Amino acid sequence: MAFQKIASILAEIIGIDDEDITPDTELNREYGIKPVDLAKLIIECERTFQITIHDEDVYRFRYVHDLMEYIRRIKEEE
C-alpha cells in the first residue's frame, strides 16, 4: 500500500508513469530525480502518511524501498 502511494507521488513529481517506478528505483539524478524532487517527495510523504521525516534521515534514502521501510517503521511505532 505504501509503495503505491509513494510511486504515485514520485511519478507525479518527475512526470512519468507510476508503473515505471519499482521499489528498486534509485532516488538520484540518473533516474531523473533532482534534489528538489526528493525534497518534494519527502514533504508529500509527510503529508500523505501524517509523519515527520527528519532531515538527517533523508540521506539514507537511496532507493524507493528505503523510504518505504522508513515509513513502515514510523507507522509501527505510533
PDB file of N, CA and C in Angstrom:
ATOM      1  N   MET A   1       0.825  -1.198   0.000  1.00  0.00           N
ATOM      2  CA  MET A   1       0.000   0.000   0.000  1.00  0.00           C
ATOM      3  C   MET A   1       0.870   1.263   0.000  1.00  0.00           C
ATOM      4  N   ALA A   2       1.865   1.303   0.880  1.00  0.00           N
ATOM      5  CA  ALA A   2       2.745   2.469   0.926  1.00  0.00           C
ATOM      6  C   ALA A   2       3.480   2.633  -0.395  1.00  0.00           C
ATOM      7  N   PHE A   3       3.890   1.512  -0.986  1.00  0.00           N
ATOM      8  CA  PHE A   3       4.625   1.605  -2.242  1.00  0.00           C
ATOM      9  C   PHE A   3       3.803   2.308  -3.314  1.00  0.00           C
ATOM     10  N   GLN A   4       2.546   1.927  -3.464  1.00  0.00           N
ATOM     11  CA  GLN A   4       1.706   2.532  -4.494  1.00  0.00           C
ATOM     12  C   GLN A   4       1.559   4.030  -4.299  1.00  0.00           C
ATOM     13  N   LYS A   5       1.395   4.443  -3.056  1.00  0.00           N
ATOM     14  CA  LYS A   5       1.269   5.878  -2.765  1.00  0.00           C
ATOM     15  C   LYS A   5       2.564   6.605  -3.080  1.00  0.00           C
ATOM     16  N   ILE A   6       3.686   6.034  -2.646  1.00  0.00           N
ATOM     17  CA  ILE A   6       4.980   6.664  -2.907  1.00  0.00           C
ATOM     18  C   ILE A   6       5.250   6.725  -4.404  1.00  0.00           C
ATOM     19  N   ALA A   7       4.981   5.638  -5.113  1.00  0.00           N
ATOM     20  CA  ALA A   7       5.195   5.599  -6.565  1.00  0.00           C
ATOM     21  C   ALA A   7       4.342   6.646  -7.257  1.00  0.00           C
ATOM     22  N   SER A   8       3.116   6.786  -6.833  1.00  0.00           N
ATOM     23  CA  SER A   8       2.210   7.769  -7.427  1.00  0.00           C
ATOM     24  C   SER A   8       2.714   9.195  -7.186  1.00  0.00           C
ATOM     25  N   ILE A   9       3.147   9.460  -5.975  1.00  0.00           N
ATOM     26  CA  ILE A   9       3.666  10.794  -5.636  1.00  0.00           C
ATOM     27  C   ILE A   9       4.907  11.093  -6.467  1.00  0.00           C
ATOM     28  N   LEU A  10       5.852  10.150  -6.478  1.00  0.00           N
ATOM     29  CA  LEU A  10       7.097  10.358  -7.209  1.00  0.00           C
ATOM     30  C   LEU A  10       6.844  10.515  -8.702  1.00  0.00           C
ATOM     31  N   ALA A  11       5.964   9.697  -9.250  1.00  0.00           N
ATOM     32  CA  ALA A  11       5.650   9.777 -10.682  1.00  0.00           C
ATOM     33  C   ALA A  11       5.098  11.145 -11.039  1.00  0.00           C
ATOM     34  N   GLU A  12       4.233  11.665 -10.197  1.00  0.00           N
ATOM     35  CA  GLU A  12       3.662  12.990 -10.461  1.00  0.00           C
ATOM     36  C   GLU A  12       4.739  14.070 -10.400  1.00  0.00           C
ATOM     37  N   ILE A  13       5.637  13.961  -9.448  1.00  0.00           N
ATOM     38  CA  ILE A  13       6.690  14.964  -9.279  1.00  0.00           C
ATOM     39  C   ILE A  13       7.637  14.982 -10.478  1.00  0.00           C
ATOM     40  N   ILE A  14       8.046  13.805 -10.939  1.00  0.00           N
ATOM     41  CA  ILE A  14       9.035  13.780 -12.023  1.00  0.00           C
ATOM     42  C   ILE A  14       8.419  13.581 -13.403  1.00  0.00           C
ATOM     43  N   GLY A  15       7.104  13.452 -13.454  1.00  0.00           N
ATOM     44  CA  GLY A  15       6.410  13.422 -14.737  1.00  0.00           C
ATOM     45  C   GLY A  15       6.547  12.128 -15.517  1.00  0.00           C
ATOM     46  N   ILE A  16       6.468  10.989 -14.818  1.00  0.00           N
ATOM     47  CA  ILE A  16       6.484   9.701 -15.509  1.00  0.00           C
ATOM     48  C   ILE A  16       5.293   8.879 -15.039  1.00  0.00           C
ATOM     49  N   ASP A  17       5.092   7.735 -15.659  1.00  0.00           N
ATOM     50  CA  ASP A  17       4.019   6.830 -15.265  1.00  0.00           C
ATOM     51  C   ASP A  17       4.434   6.092 -13.999  1.00  0.00           C
ATOM     52  N   ASP A  18       3.518   5.964 -13.050  1.00  0.00           N
ATOM     53  CA  ASP A  18       3.884   5.307 -11.790  1.00  0.00           C
ATOM     54  C   ASP A  18       4.230   3.833 -11.972  1.00  0.00           C
ATOM     55  N   GLU A  19       3.823   3.241 -13.080  1.00  0.00           N
ATOM     56  CA  GLU A  19       4.176   1.851 -13.360  1.00  0.00           C
ATOM     57  C   GLU A  19       5.661   1.695 -13.687  1.00  0.00           C
ATOM     58  N   ASP A  20       6.324   2.811 -13.998  1.00  0.00           N
ATOM     59  CA  ASP A  20       7.755   2.770 -14.299  1.00  0.00           C
ATOM     60  C   ASP A  20       8.604   2.814 -13.031  1.00  0.00           C
ATOM     61  N   ILE A  21       7.961   2.953 -11.887  1.00  0.00           N
ATOM     62  CA  ILE A  21       8.669   3.028 -10.610  1.00  0.00           C
ATOM     63  C   ILE A  21       8.540   1.692  -9.894  1.00  0.00           C
ATOM     64  N   THR A  22       9.670   1.198  -9.408  1.00  0.00           N
ATOM     65  CA  THR A  22       9.692  -0.045  -8.646  1.00  0.00           C
ATOM     66  C   THR A  22      10.303   0.241  -7.279  1.00  0.00           C
ATOM     67  N   PRO A  23      10.217  -0.701  -6.357  1.00  0.00           N
ATOM     68  CA  PRO A  23      10.884  -0.494  -5.071  1.00  0.00           C
ATOM     69  C   PRO A  23      12.398  -0.296  -5.218  1.00  0.00           C
ATOM     70  N   ASP A  24      12.969  -0.776  -6.322  1.00  0.00           N
ATOM     71  CA  ASP A  24      14.410  -0.641  -6.546  1.00  0.00           C
ATOM     72  C   ASP A  24      14.790   0.601  -7.348  1.00  0.00           C
ATOM     73  N   THR A  25      13.837   1.470  -7.623  1.00  0.00           N
ATOM     74  CA  THR A  25      14.143   2.716  -8.316  1.00  0.00           C
ATOM     75  C   THR A  25      15.032   3.570  -7.424  1.00  0.00           C
ATOM     76  N   GLU A  26      16.158   4.000  -7.984  1.00  0.00           N
ATOM     77  CA  GLU A  26      17.088   4.825  -7.218  1.00  0.00           C
ATOM     78  C   GLU A  26      16.608   6.270  -7.173  1.00  0.00           C
ATOM     79  N   LEU A  27      16.803   6.884  -6.033  1.00  0.00           N
ATOM     80  CA  LEU A  27      16.389   8.275  -5.835  1.00  0.00           C
ATOM     81  C   LEU A  27      17.584   9.187  -6.118  1.00  0.00           C
ATOM     82  N   ASN A  28      17.981   9.236  -7.391  1.00  0.00           N
ATOM     83  CA  ASN A  28      19.118  10.071  -7.763  1.00  0.00           C
ATOM     84  C   ASN A  28      18.934  10.643  -9.165  1.00  0.00           C
ATOM     85  N   ARG A  29      19.872  11.470  -9.557  1.00  0.00           N
ATOM     86  CA  ARG A  29      19.784  12.152 -10.853  1.00  0.00           C
ATOM     87  C   ARG A  29      19.754  11.196 -12.039  1.00  0.00           C
ATOM     88  N   GLU A  30      20.407  10.066 -11.909  1.00  0.00           N
ATOM     89  CA  GLU A  30      20.436   9.091 -13.002  1.00  0.00           C
ATOM     90  C   GLU A  30      19.024   8.671 -13.396  1.00  0.00           C
ATOM     91  N   TYR A  31      18.130   8.674 -12.447  1.00  0.00           N
ATOM     92  CA  TYR A  31      16.739   8.312 -12.708  1.00  0.00           C
ATOM     93  C   TYR A  31      15.859   9.541 -12.894  1.00  0.00           C
ATOM     94  N   GLY A  32      16.486  10.686 -13.091  1.00  0.00           N
ATOM     95  CA  GLY A  32      15.735  11.905 -13.351  1.00  0.00           C
ATOM     96  C   GLY A  32      15.196  12.577 -12.100  1.00  0.00           C
ATOM     97  N   ILE A  33      15.726  12.204 -10.948  1.00  0.00           N
ATOM     98  CA  ILE A  33      15.240  12.752  -9.687  1.00  0.00           C
ATOM     99  C   ILE A  33      16.285  13.741  -9.165  1.00  0.00           C
ATOM    100  N   LYS A  34      15.936  15.019  -9.212  1.00  0.00           N
ATOM    101  CA  LYS A  34      16.822  16.070  -8.737  1.00  0.00           C
ATOM    102  C   LYS A  34      16.624  16.254  -7.236  1.00  0.00           C
ATOM    103  N   PRO A  35      17.575  16.905  -6.571  1.00  0.00           N
ATOM    104  CA  PRO A  35      17.419  17.145  -5.125  1.00  0.00           C
ATOM    105  C   PRO A  35      16.100  17.844  -4.771  1.00  0.00           C
ATOM    106  N   VAL A  36      15.655  18.762  -5.588  1.00  0.00           N
ATOM    107  CA  VAL A  36      14.386  19.442  -5.310  1.00  0.00           C
ATOM    108  C   VAL A  36      13.217  18.462  -5.427  1.00  0.00           C
ATOM    109  N   ASP A  37      13.317  17.495  -6.338  1.00  0.00           N
ATOM    110  CA  ASP A  37      12.273  16.480  -6.474  1.00  0.00           C
ATOM    111  C   ASP A  37      12.222  15.593  -5.233  1.00  0.00           C
ATOM    112  N   LEU A  38      13.392  15.248  -4.714  1.00  0.00           N
ATOM    113  CA  LEU A  38      13.445  14.443  -3.497  1.00  0.00           C
ATOM    114  C   LEU A  38      12.823  15.201  -2.333  1.00  0.00           C
ATOM    115  N   ALA A  39      13.112  16.500  -2.252  1.00  0.00           N
ATOM    116  CA  ALA A  39      12.513  17.322  -1.190  1.00  0.00           C
ATOM    117  C   ALA A  39      10.990  17.341  -1.316  1.00  0.00           C
ATOM    118  N   LYS A  40      10.488  17.481  -2.529  1.00  0.00           N
ATOM    119  CA  LYS A  40       9.039  17.461  -2.747  1.00  0.00           C
ATOM    120  C   LYS A  40       8.449  16.110  -2.358  1.00  0.00           C
ATOM    121  N   LEU A  41       9.158  15.032  -2.698  1.00  0.00           N
ATOM    122  CA  LEU A  41       8.700  13.688  -2.349  1.00  0.00           C
ATOM    123  C   LEU A  41       8.604  13.537  -0.833  1.00  0.00           C
ATOM    124  N   ILE A  42       9.610  13.984  -0.119  1.00  0.00           N
ATOM    125  CA  ILE A  42       9.621  13.869   1.340  1.00  0.00           C
ATOM    126  C   ILE A  42       8.469  14.665   1.944  1.00  0.00           C
ATOM    127  N   ILE A  43       8.289  15.888   1.489  1.00  0.00           N
ATOM    128  CA  ILE A  43       7.216  16.741   2.015  1.00  0.00           C
ATOM    129  C   ILE A  43       5.853  16.106   1.753  1.00  0.00           C
ATOM    130  N   GLU A  44       5.656  15.594   0.558  1.00  0.00           N
ATOM    131  CA  GLU A  44       4.364  14.992   0.215  1.00  0.00           C
ATOM    132  C   GLU A  44       4.137  13.692   0.984  1.00  0.00           C
ATOM    133  N   CYS A  45       5.193  12.914   1.206  1.00  0.00           N
ATOM    134  CA  CYS A  45       5.053  11.690   2.010  1.00  0.00           C
ATOM    135  C   CYS A  45       4.708  12.035   3.455  1.00  0.00           C
ATOM    136  N   GLU A  46       5.316  13.085   3.975  1.00  0.00           N
ATOM    137  CA  GLU A  46       4.979  13.515   5.337  1.00  0.00           C
ATOM    138  C   GLU A  46       3.499  13.867   5.436  1.00  0.00           C
ATOM    139  N   ARG A  47       3.010  14.587   4.441  1.00  0.00           N
ATOM    140  CA  ARG A  47       1.601  14.988   4.444  1.00  0.00           C
ATOM    141  C   ARG A  47       0.689  13.776   4.255  1.00  0.00           C
ATOM    142  N   THR A  48       1.001  12.941   3.303  1.00  0.00           N
ATOM    143  CA  THR A  48       0.166  11.789   2.977  1.00  0.00           C
ATOM    144  C   THR A  48       0.090  10.775   4.115  1.00  0.00           C
ATOM    145  N   PHE A  49       1.245  10.473   4.698  1.00  0.00           N
ATOM    146  CA  PHE A  49       1.295   9.443   5.732  1.00  0.00           C
ATOM    147  C   PHE A  49       1.186  10.016   7.149  1.00  0.00           C
ATOM    148  N   GLN A  50       1.080  11.346   7.236  1.00  0.00           N
ATOM    149  CA  GLN A  50       0.959  12.059   8.511  1.00  0.00           C
ATOM    150  C   GLN A  50       2.089  11.676   9.467  1.00  0.00           C
ATOM    151  N   ILE A  51       3.316  11.845   8.965  1.00  0.00           N
ATOM    152  CA  ILE A  51       4.515  11.544   9.737  1.00  0.00           C
ATOM    153  C   ILE A  51       5.495  12.696   9.597  1.00  0.00           C
ATOM    154  N   THR A  52       6.566  12.634  10.372  1.00  0.00           N
ATOM    155  CA  THR A  52       7.675  13.568  10.226  1.00  0.00           C
ATOM    156  C   THR A  52       8.893  12.771   9.803  1.00  0.00           C
ATOM    157  N   ILE A  53       9.504  13.193   8.717  1.00  0.00           N
ATOM    158  CA  ILE A  53      10.734  12.568   8.248  1.00  0.00           C
ATOM    159  C   ILE A  53      11.859  13.547   8.578  1.00  0.00           C
ATOM    160  N   HIS A  54      12.757  13.128   9.433  1.00  0.00           N
ATOM    161  CA  HIS A  54      13.826  14.003   9.891  1.00  0.00           C
ATOM    162  C   HIS A  54      14.870  14.217   8.799  1.00  0.00           C
ATOM    163  N   ASP A  55      15.321  15.458   8.691  1.00  0.00           N
ATOM    164  CA  ASP A  55      16.283  15.820   7.650  1.00  0.00           C
ATOM    165  C   ASP A  55      17.510  14.923   7.660  1.00  0.00           C
ATOM    166  N   GLU A  56      17.990  14.576   8.847  1.00  0.00           N
ATOM    167  CA  GLU A  56      19.204  13.760   8.925  1.00  0.00           C
ATOM    168  C   GLU A  56      18.987  12.331   8.425  1.00  0.00           C
ATOM    169  N   ASP A  57      17.729  11.909   8.297  1.00  0.00           N
ATOM    170  CA  ASP A  57      17.432  10.567   7.790  1.00  0.00           C
ATOM    171  C   ASP A  57      17.296  10.519   6.269  1.00  0.00           C
ATOM    172  N   VAL A  58      17.041  11.650   5.650  1.00  0.00           N
ATOM    173  CA  VAL A  58      16.774  11.683   4.212  1.00  0.00           C
ATOM    174  C   VAL A  58      17.962  11.164   3.401  1.00  0.00           C
ATOM    175  N   TYR A  59      19.186  11.442   3.847  1.00  0.00           N
ATOM    176  CA  TYR A  59      20.361  10.997   3.084  1.00  0.00           C
ATOM    177  C   TYR A  59      20.453   9.475   2.996  1.00  0.00           C
ATOM    178  N   ARG A  60      19.729   8.762   3.842  1.00  0.00           N
ATOM    179  CA  ARG A  60      19.747   7.297   3.832  1.00  0.00           C
ATOM    180  C   ARG A  60      18.855   6.702   2.744  1.00  0.00           C
ATOM    181  N   PHE A  61      17.998   7.505   2.145  1.00  0.00           N
ATOM    182  CA  PHE A  61      17.049   7.000   1.152  1.00  0.00           C
ATOM    183  C   PHE A  61      17.718   6.935  -0.211  1.00  0.00           C
ATOM    184  N   ARG A  62      18.281   5.790  -0.522  1.00  0.00           N
ATOM    185  CA  ARG A  62      18.925   5.609  -1.828  1.00  0.00           C
ATOM    186  C   ARG A  62      17.933   5.051  -2.853  1.00  0.00           C
ATOM    187  N   TYR A  63      17.028   4.209  -2.378  1.00  0.00           N
ATOM    188  CA  TYR A  63      16.029   3.581  -3.238  1.00  0.00           C
ATOM    189  C   TYR A  63      14.637   3.862  -2.680  1.00  0.00           C
ATOM    190  N   VAL A  64      13.635   3.662  -3.509  1.00  0.00           N
ATOM    191  CA  VAL A  64      12.254   3.828  -3.059  1.00  0.00           C
ATOM    192  C   VAL A  64      11.969   2.911  -1.875  1.00  0.00           C
ATOM    193  N   HIS A  65      12.492   1.692  -1.901  1.00  0.00           N
ATOM    194  CA  HIS A  65      12.211   0.767  -0.797  1.00  0.00           C
ATOM    195  C   HIS A  65      12.803   1.250   0.528  1.00  0.00           C
ATOM    196  N   ASP A  66      13.863   2.058   0.492  1.00  0.00           N
ATOM    197  CA  ASP A  66      14.411   2.627   1.727  1.00  0.00           C
ATOM    198  C   ASP A  66      13.393   3.572   2.368  1.00  0.00           C
ATOM    199  N   LEU A  67      12.771   4.389   1.548  1.00  0.00           N
ATOM    200  CA  LEU A  67      11.742   5.303   2.039  1.00  0.00           C
ATOM    201  C   LEU A  67      10.532   4.523   2.537  1.00  0.00           C
ATOM    202  N   MET A  68      10.139   3.491   1.806  1.00  0.00           N
ATOM    203  CA  MET A  68       9.004   2.661   2.229  1.00  0.00           C
ATOM    204  C   MET A  68       9.258   2.053   3.604  1.00  0.00           C
ATOM    205  N   GLU A  69      10.434   1.520   3.790  1.00  0.00           N
ATOM    206  CA  GLU A  69      10.787   0.865   5.054  1.00  0.00           C
ATOM    207  C   GLU A  69      10.800   1.880   6.203  1.00  0.00           C
ATOM    208  N   TYR A  70      11.307   3.051   5.939  1.00  0.00           N
ATOM    209  CA  TYR A  70      11.338   4.120   6.948  1.00  0.00           C
ATOM    210  C   TYR A  70       9.919   4.470   7.378  1.00  0.00           C
ATOM    211  N   ILE A  71       9.037   4.659   6.410  1.00  0.00           N
ATOM    212  CA  ILE A  71       7.633   4.990   6.709  1.00  0.00           C
ATOM    213  C   ILE A  71       6.979   3.857   7.477  1.00  0.00           C
ATOM    214  N   ARG A  72       7.227   2.622   7.079  1.00  0.00           N
ATOM    215  CA  ARG A  72       6.640   1.478   7.781  1.00  0.00           C
ATOM    216  C   ARG A  72       7.069   1.461   9.244  1.00  0.00           C
ATOM    217  N   ARG A  73       8.360   1.676   9.497  1.00  0.00           N
ATOM    218  CA  ARG A  73       8.863   1.669  10.875  1.00  0.00           C
ATOM    219  C   ARG A  73       8.217   2.779  11.702  1.00  0.00           C
ATOM    220  N   ILE A  74       8.094   3.958  11.146  1.00  0.00           N
ATOM    221  CA  ILE A  74       7.488   5.071  11.877  1.00  0.00           C
ATOM    222  C   ILE A  74       6.025   4.755  12.198  1.00  0.00           C
ATOM    223  N   LYS A  75       5.303   4.226  11.211  1.00  0.00           N
ATOM    224  CA  LYS A  75       3.885   3.931  11.428  1.00  0.00           C
ATOM    225  C   LYS A  75       3.704   2.828  12.468  1.00  0.00           C
ATOM    226  N   GLU A  76       4.600   1.873  12.518  1.00  0.00           N
ATOM    227  CA  GLU A  76       4.523   0.808  13.518  1.00  0.00           C
ATOM    228  C   GLU A  76       4.758   1.338  14.935  1.00  0.00           C
ATOM    229  N   GLU A  77       5.571   2.379  15.042  1.00  0.00           N
ATOM    230  CA  GLU A  77       5.884   2.955  16.343  1.00  0.00           C
ATOM    231  C   GLU A  77       4.745   3.800  16.907  1.00  0.00           C
ATOM    232  N   GLU A  78       3.831   4.188  16.070  1.00  0.00           N
ATOM    233  CA  GLU A  78       2.724   5.049  16.525  1.00  0.00           C
ATOM    234  C   GLU A  78       1.768   4.309  17.415  1.00  0.00           C
TER     235      GLU A  78
END
